[in-house]
């Protein structure tokens, strides 16, 4: 079962990807995790990626795809995977389709977690992150026992710049121009499935599980 998750930043696709991975015993693969693992292990691909990241530059599509295809070769991907955060653009999607086809494979599902922009802006504005341990909370959906204090380590919680409404609005602009066309791309391949991401997390997951059944 090879799945790619789609959805705007803050739609909750990462949370759903982790739940899918846990239920079906397949790995949750995010580009950030792949970069970090390869850099930590000092692989050749990791060294190449690090040269770009150290300069604050984006890792080129070709190298990102190489890292992802390399990850797919690992034993835990034998029964499939949940890909989260890649592809983000049509050229990336086309390159992934081509690379999978070259190995006789293809994606089975592209699951789009659909949430209106206004919901995402208010959701993200409620997020809080711990300065000390990196723990994340939400003032409505996942509040701490003591306001502004991390449950795990007692550190101070802040609203990250990334989650401020003006930043979120810019990220959504980029998403709609670059990433939303992927919905049409995967619909054209006949593998797109859409779920209502405004429901409770567990309900969204039930909808996804019904699709995958």
C-alpha atoms as a PDB file:
ATOM      1  CA  UNK A   1       0.000   0.000   0.000  1.00  0.00           C
ATOM      2  CA  UNK A   2       1.837   3.055  -1.315  1.00  0.00           C
ATOM      3  CA  UNK A   3       0.226   6.303  -0.243  1.00  0.00           C
ATOM      4  CA  UNK A   4       1.024   9.986  -0.745  1.00  0.00           C
ATOM      5  CA  UNK A   5      -0.596  12.549   1.571  1.00  0.00           C
ATOM      6  CA  UNK A   6      -1.804  15.877   0.179  1.00  0.00           C
ATOM      7  CA  UNK A   7      -3.209  18.931   1.940  1.00  0.00           C
ATOM      8  CA  UNK A   8      -2.381  22.482   2.887  1.00  0.00           C
ATOM      9  CA  UNK A   9       0.068  23.244   5.720  1.00  0.00           C
ATOM     10  CA  UNK A  10      -1.868  22.798   8.954  1.00  0.00           C
ATOM     11  CA  UNK A  11      -4.525  20.523   7.409  1.00  0.00           C
ATOM     12  CA  UNK A  12      -3.402  17.679   9.666  1.00  0.00           C
ATOM     13  CA  UNK A  13      -1.974  15.386   6.989  1.00  0.00           C
ATOM     14  CA  UNK A  14       1.140  14.638   9.085  1.00  0.00           C
ATOM     15  CA  UNK A  15      -0.999  13.479  12.018  1.00  0.00           C
ATOM     16  CA  UNK A  16      -3.075  11.266   9.722  1.00  0.00           C
ATOM     17  CA  UNK A  17       0.066   9.894   8.035  1.00  0.00           C
ATOM     18  CA  UNK A  18       1.422   8.772  11.432  1.00  0.00           C
ATOM     19  CA  UNK A  19      -1.896   7.099  12.299  1.00  0.00           C
ATOM     20  CA  UNK A  20      -2.003   5.286   8.937  1.00  0.00           C
ATOM     21  CA  UNK A  21       1.590   4.117   9.440  1.00  0.00           C
ATOM     22  CA  UNK A  22       0.774   2.775  12.908  1.00  0.00           C
ATOM     23  CA  UNK A  23      -2.419   0.967  11.837  1.00  0.00           C
ATOM     24  CA  UNK A  24      -1.023  -0.664   8.694  1.00  0.00           C
ATOM     25  CA  UNK A  25       2.537  -1.296   9.854  1.00  0.00           C
ATOM     26  CA  UNK A  26       4.151   0.763   7.102  1.00  0.00           C
ATOM     27  CA  UNK A  27       6.667   3.602   7.560  1.00  0.00           C
ATOM     28  CA  UNK A  28       5.702   7.286   7.615  1.00  0.00           C
ATOM     29  CA  UNK A  29       8.240   8.911   5.310  1.00  0.00           C
ATOM     30  CA  UNK A  30       8.827  12.662   5.393  1.00  0.00           C
ATOM     31  CA  UNK A  31      11.581  14.417   3.475  1.00  0.00           C
ATOM     32  CA  UNK A  32      12.780  16.182   6.637  1.00  0.00           C
ATOM     33  CA  UNK A  33      13.283  12.835   8.405  1.00  0.00           C
ATOM     34  CA  UNK A  34      15.138  11.424   5.380  1.00  0.00           C
ATOM     35  CA  UNK A  35      17.476  14.423   5.216  1.00  0.00           C
ATOM     36  CA  UNK A  36      18.207  14.240   8.947  1.00  0.00           C
ATOM     37  CA  UNK A  37      18.804  10.458   8.922  1.00  0.00           C
ATOM     38  CA  UNK A  38      21.181  10.592   5.953  1.00  0.00           C
ATOM     39  CA  UNK A  39      23.110  13.540   7.385  1.00  0.00           C
ATOM     40  CA  UNK A  40      23.344  11.853  10.794  1.00  0.00           C
ATOM     41  CA  UNK A  41      24.570   8.590   9.206  1.00  0.00           C
ATOM     42  CA  UNK A  42      27.067  10.440   7.009  1.00  0.00           C
ATOM     43  CA  UNK A  43      25.848   8.847   3.757  1.00  0.00           C
ATOM     44  CA  UNK A  44      27.040  10.198   0.418  1.00  0.00           C
ATOM     45  CA  UNK A  45      23.533  11.481  -0.353  1.00  0.00           C
ATOM     46  CA  UNK A  46      23.365  13.015   3.123  1.00  0.00           C
ATOM     47  CA  UNK A  47      26.651  14.852   2.594  1.00  0.00           C
ATOM     48  CA  UNK A  48      25.339  16.263  -0.692  1.00  0.00           C
ATOM     49  CA  UNK A  49      22.079  17.395   0.949  1.00  0.00           C
ATOM     50  CA  UNK A  50      23.984  18.995   3.847  1.00  0.00           C
ATOM     51  CA  UNK A  51      25.970  21.243   1.509  1.00  0.00           C
ATOM     52  CA  UNK A  52      22.703  22.842   0.356  1.00  0.00           C
ATOM     53  CA  UNK A  53      21.085  22.951   3.789  1.00  0.00           C
ATOM     54  CA  UNK A  54      24.156  24.567   5.367  1.00  0.00           C
ATOM     55  CA  UNK A  55      23.800  27.406   2.855  1.00  0.00           C
ATOM     56  CA  UNK A  56      20.106  27.759   3.645  1.00  0.00           C
ATOM     57  CA  UNK A  57      19.296  26.595   0.113  1.00  0.00           C
ATOM     58  CA  UNK A  58      16.613  24.115  -0.939  1.00  0.00           C
ATOM     59  CA  UNK A  59      17.835  20.601  -1.695  1.00  0.00           C
ATOM     60  CA  UNK A  60      17.378  20.157  -5.491  1.00  0.00           C
ATOM     61  CA  UNK A  61      14.493  17.988  -6.686  1.00  0.00           C
ATOM     62  CA  UNK A  62      16.809  15.399  -8.277  1.00  0.00           C
ATOM     63  CA  UNK A  63      18.706  14.837  -5.021  1.00  0.00           C
ATOM     64  CA  UNK A  64      15.503  14.782  -2.927  1.00  0.00           C
ATOM     65  CA  UNK A  65      14.044  12.148  -5.263  1.00  0.00           C
ATOM     66  CA  UNK A  66      17.256  10.127  -5.076  1.00  0.00           C
ATOM     67  CA  UNK A  67      17.064  10.169  -1.262  1.00  0.00           C
ATOM     68  CA  UNK A  68      13.401   9.123  -1.335  1.00  0.00           C
ATOM     69  CA  UNK A  69      13.951   6.278  -3.814  1.00  0.00           C
ATOM     70  CA  UNK A  70      16.881   5.119  -1.679  1.00  0.00           C
ATOM     71  CA  UNK A  71      14.557   5.124   1.380  1.00  0.00           C
ATOM     72  CA  UNK A  72      12.036   2.962  -0.500  1.00  0.00           C
ATOM     73  CA  UNK A  73      14.705   0.243  -0.851  1.00  0.00           C
ATOM     74  CA  UNK A  74      14.811  -0.338   2.918  1.00  0.00           C
ATOM     75  CA  UNK A  75      13.214  -3.489   4.305  1.00  0.00           C
ATOM     76  CA  UNK A  76      10.438  -1.703   6.220  1.00  0.00           C
ATOM     77  CA  UNK A  77       9.007  -0.404   2.900  1.00  0.00           C
ATOM     78  CA  UNK A  78       8.344  -3.935   1.596  1.00  0.00           C
ATOM     79  CA  UNK A  79       4.593  -3.604   2.264  1.00  0.00           C
ATOM     80  CA  UNK A  80       4.373   0.071   1.311  1.00  0.00           C
ATOM     81  CA  UNK A  81       4.729   3.503   2.906  1.00  0.00           C
ATOM     82  CA  UNK A  82       3.008   6.819   3.599  1.00  0.00           C
ATOM     83  CA  UNK A  83       4.812   9.680   1.860  1.00  0.00           C
ATOM     84  CA  UNK A  84       4.319  13.076   3.513  1.00  0.00           C
ATOM     85  CA  UNK A  85       5.711  16.403   2.228  1.00  0.00           C
ATOM     86  CA  UNK A  86       6.792  15.197  -1.217  1.00  0.00           C
ATOM     87  CA  UNK A  87       5.930  15.801  -3.992  1.00  0.00           C
ATOM     88  CA  UNK A  88       5.060  19.473  -3.624  1.00  0.00           C
ATOM     89  CA  UNK A  89       5.035  20.418  -7.318  1.00  0.00           C
ATOM     90  CA  UNK A  90       3.960  18.869 -10.630  1.00  0.00           C
ATOM     91  CA  UNK A  91       7.577  18.353 -11.849  1.00  0.00           C
ATOM     92  CA  UNK A  92       8.348  16.499  -8.583  1.00  0.00           C
ATOM     93  CA  UNK A  93       5.206  14.364  -8.987  1.00  0.00           C
ATOM     94  CA  UNK A  94       6.065  13.514 -12.584  1.00  0.00           C
ATOM     95  CA  UNK A  95       9.647  12.619 -11.615  1.00  0.00           C
ATOM     96  CA  UNK A  96       8.374  10.380  -8.787  1.00  0.00           C
ATOM     97  CA  UNK A  97       5.893   8.601 -11.098  1.00  0.00           C
ATOM     98  CA  UNK A  98       8.668   8.011 -13.624  1.00  0.00           C
ATOM     99  CA  UNK A  99      11.167   6.760 -10.998  1.00  0.00           C
ATOM    100  CA  UNK A 100       8.598   4.341  -9.514  1.00  0.00           C
ATOM    101  CA  UNK A 101       7.595   3.096 -12.975  1.00  0.00           C
ATOM    102  CA  UNK A 102      11.250   2.409 -13.809  1.00  0.00           C
ATOM    103  CA  UNK A 103      11.232  -0.058 -10.900  1.00  0.00           C
ATOM    104  CA  UNK A 104       7.868  -1.524 -11.861  1.00  0.00           C
ATOM    105  CA  UNK A 105       5.993   0.309  -9.106  1.00  0.00           C
ATOM    106  CA  UNK A 106       3.358   3.022  -8.650  1.00  0.00           C
ATOM    107  CA  UNK A 107       1.420   4.864  -5.962  1.00  0.00           C
ATOM    108  CA  UNK A 108      -1.886   3.310  -4.895  1.00  0.00           C
ATOM    109  CA  UNK A 109      -3.567   6.293  -3.233  1.00  0.00           C
ATOM    110  CA  UNK A 110      -3.177  10.073  -3.081  1.00  0.00           C
ATOM    111  CA  UNK A 111      -5.197  11.203  -0.035  1.00  0.00           C
ATOM    112  CA  UNK A 112      -6.094  14.876   0.124  1.00  0.00           C
ATOM    113  CA  UNK A 113      -7.027  16.210   3.570  1.00  0.00           C
ATOM    114  CA  UNK A 114      -9.313  19.089   2.611  1.00  0.00           C
ATOM    115  CA  UNK A 115      -9.568  22.063   5.009  1.00  0.00           C
ATOM    116  CA  UNK A 116     -10.695  25.634   4.085  1.00  0.00           C
ATOM    117  CA  UNK A 117      -8.028  28.342   4.415  1.00  0.00           C
ATOM    118  CA  UNK A 118      -9.860  30.228   7.195  1.00  0.00           C
ATOM    119  CA  UNK A 119      -9.945  27.077   9.341  1.00  0.00           C
ATOM    120  CA  UNK A 120      -6.216  26.576   8.829  1.00  0.00           C
ATOM    121  CA  UNK A 121      -5.346  30.169   9.806  1.00  0.00           C
ATOM    122  CA  UNK A 122      -7.310  29.888  13.075  1.00  0.00           C
ATOM    123  CA  UNK A 123      -5.945  26.382  13.771  1.00  0.00           C
ATOM    124  CA  UNK A 124      -2.317  27.433  13.323  1.00  0.00           C
ATOM    125  CA  UNK A 125      -2.776  30.591  15.403  1.00  0.00           C
ATOM    126  CA  UNK A 126      -3.677  28.336  18.346  1.00  0.00           C
ATOM    127  CA  UNK A 127      -0.505  26.255  18.126  1.00  0.00           C
ATOM    128  CA  UNK A 128       2.154  26.644  20.801  1.00  0.00           C
ATOM    129  CA  UNK A 129       5.668  25.214  20.840  1.00  0.00           C
ATOM    130  CA  UNK A 130       8.039  24.630  23.754  1.00  0.00           C
ATOM    131  CA  UNK A 131      11.305  26.577  23.527  1.00  0.00           C
ATOM    132  CA  UNK A 132      13.131  23.911  25.546  1.00  0.00           C
ATOM    133  CA  UNK A 133      12.073  20.458  24.317  1.00  0.00           C
ATOM    134  CA  UNK A 134      10.240  21.262  21.064  1.00  0.00           C
ATOM    135  CA  UNK A 135       6.927  19.817  22.286  1.00  0.00           C
ATOM    136  CA  UNK A 136       3.832  21.141  20.485  1.00  0.00           C
ATOM    137  CA  UNK A 137       0.373  21.938  21.835  1.00  0.00           C
ATOM    138  CA  UNK A 138      -2.822  23.713  20.823  1.00  0.00           C
ATOM    139  CA  UNK A 139      -4.744  26.108  23.066  1.00  0.00           C
ATOM    140  CA  UNK A 140      -8.074  24.504  22.011  1.00  0.00           C
ATOM    141  CA  UNK A 141      -7.377  20.963  20.763  1.00  0.00           C
ATOM    142  CA  UNK A 142      -4.381  19.981  22.905  1.00  0.00           C
ATOM    143  CA  UNK A 143      -3.992  22.478  25.776  1.00  0.00           C
ATOM    144  CA  UNK A 144      -1.361  22.229  28.497  1.00  0.00           C
ATOM    145  CA  UNK A 145      -2.332  21.709  32.142  1.00  0.00           C
ATOM    146  CA  UNK A 146      -0.861  25.113  32.993  1.00  0.00           C
ATOM    147  CA  UNK A 147      -1.264  27.898  30.442  1.00  0.00           C
ATOM    148  CA  UNK A 148       1.976  28.788  28.646  1.00  0.00           C
ATOM    149  CA  UNK A 149       3.974  26.003  30.341  1.00  0.00           C
ATOM    150  CA  UNK A 150       5.083  22.740  28.676  1.00  0.00           C
ATOM    151  CA  UNK A 151       3.613  19.608  30.320  1.00  0.00           C
ATOM    152  CA  UNK A 152       6.719  17.585  29.478  1.00  0.00           C
ATOM    153  CA  UNK A 153       9.567  19.794  30.707  1.00  0.00           C
ATOM    154  CA  UNK A 154       8.093  22.963  32.229  1.00  0.00           C
ATOM    155  CA  UNK A 155       9.565  25.125  29.470  1.00  0.00           C
ATOM    156  CA  UNK A 156       7.979  28.297  28.110  1.00  0.00           C
ATOM    157  CA  UNK A 157       5.522  27.972  25.212  1.00  0.00           C
ATOM    158  CA  UNK A 158       5.513  30.404  22.295  1.00  0.00           C
ATOM    159  CA  UNK A 159       3.581  31.060  19.085  1.00  0.00           C
ATOM    160  CA  UNK A 160       6.186  30.309  16.409  1.00  0.00           C
ATOM    161  CA  UNK A 161       6.667  32.799  13.569  1.00  0.00           C
ATOM    162  CA  UNK A 162       5.643  30.007  11.173  1.00  0.00           C
ATOM    163  CA  UNK A 163       2.231  29.816  12.844  1.00  0.00           C
ATOM    164  CA  UNK A 164       1.426  33.549  12.890  1.00  0.00           C
ATOM    165  CA  UNK A 165      -1.607  34.417  10.704  1.00  0.00           C
ATOM    166  CA  UNK A 166       0.359  36.576   8.243  1.00  0.00           C
ATOM    167  CA  UNK A 167       2.981  33.825   7.743  1.00  0.00           C
ATOM    168  CA  UNK A 168       0.302  31.142   7.386  1.00  0.00           C
ATOM    169  CA  UNK A 169      -1.486  33.251   4.746  1.00  0.00           C
ATOM    170  CA  UNK A 170       1.764  33.442   2.728  1.00  0.00           C
ATOM    171  CA  UNK A 171       2.349  29.681   3.075  1.00  0.00           C
ATOM    172  CA  UNK A 172      -1.192  29.029   1.849  1.00  0.00           C
ATOM    173  CA  UNK A 173      -0.570  31.272  -1.176  1.00  0.00           C
ATOM    174  CA  UNK A 174       2.469  29.167  -2.083  1.00  0.00           C
ATOM    175  CA  UNK A 175       0.484  25.978  -1.488  1.00  0.00           C
ATOM    176  CA  UNK A 176      -2.353  27.036  -3.796  1.00  0.00           C
ATOM    177  CA  UNK A 177      -0.009  28.077  -6.614  1.00  0.00           C
ATOM    178  CA  UNK A 178       2.487  25.179  -6.421  1.00  0.00           C
ATOM    179  CA  UNK A 179       0.945  22.220  -4.632  1.00  0.00           C
ATOM    180  CA  UNK A 180      -2.804  22.351  -5.262  1.00  0.00           C
ATOM    181  CA  UNK A 181      -2.300  21.375  -8.956  1.00  0.00           C
ATOM    182  CA  UNK A 182      -1.166  17.971  -7.607  1.00  0.00           C
ATOM    183  CA  UNK A 183      -4.804  17.278  -6.762  1.00  0.00           C
ATOM    184  CA  UNK A 184      -5.699  17.472 -10.473  1.00  0.00           C
ATOM    185  CA  UNK A 185      -2.580  15.482 -11.377  1.00  0.00           C
ATOM    186  CA  UNK A 186      -3.444  12.541  -9.118  1.00  0.00           C
ATOM    187  CA  UNK A 187      -7.142  12.772 -10.010  1.00  0.00           C
ATOM    188  CA  UNK A 188      -6.009  12.300 -13.611  1.00  0.00           C
ATOM    189  CA  UNK A 189      -4.174   9.148 -12.538  1.00  0.00           C
ATOM    190  CA  UNK A 190      -7.346   7.849 -10.905  1.00  0.00           C
ATOM    191  CA  UNK A 191      -5.829   7.499  -7.419  1.00  0.00           C
ATOM    192  CA  UNK A 192      -7.045  10.691  -5.692  1.00  0.00           C
ATOM    193  CA  UNK A 193      -9.237  10.288  -2.604  1.00  0.00           C
ATOM    194  CA  UNK A 194     -10.493  13.289  -0.612  1.00  0.00           C
ATOM    195  CA  UNK A 195     -11.481  13.489   3.063  1.00  0.00           C
ATOM    196  CA  UNK A 196     -13.020  16.308   5.084  1.00  0.00           C
ATOM    197  CA  UNK A 197     -10.216  17.493   7.365  1.00  0.00           C
ATOM    198  CA  UNK A 198     -12.495  19.771   9.407  1.00  0.00           C
ATOM    199  CA  UNK A 199     -13.871  16.756  11.321  1.00  0.00           C
ATOM    200  CA  UNK A 200     -12.370  15.406  14.551  1.00  0.00           C
ATOM    201  CA  UNK A 201      -8.970  13.730  14.047  1.00  0.00           C
ATOM    202  CA  UNK A 202     -10.398  10.281  14.791  1.00  0.00           C
ATOM    203  CA  UNK A 203     -13.292  10.793  12.337  1.00  0.00           C
ATOM    204  CA  UNK A 204     -10.907  11.877   9.574  1.00  0.00           C
ATOM    205  CA  UNK A 205      -8.882   8.744  10.244  1.00  0.00           C
ATOM    206  CA  UNK A 206     -12.010   6.550  10.098  1.00  0.00           C
ATOM    207  CA  UNK A 207     -12.799   8.068   6.673  1.00  0.00           C
ATOM    208  CA  UNK A 208      -9.268   7.314   5.470  1.00  0.00           C
ATOM    209  CA  UNK A 209      -9.390   3.755   6.837  1.00  0.00           C
ATOM    210  CA  UNK A 210     -12.665   3.199   4.937  1.00  0.00           C
ATOM    211  CA  UNK A 211     -10.935   4.299   1.715  1.00  0.00           C
ATOM    212  CA  UNK A 212      -7.964   1.981   2.328  1.00  0.00           C
ATOM    213  CA  UNK A 213     -10.117  -1.013   3.335  1.00  0.00           C
END
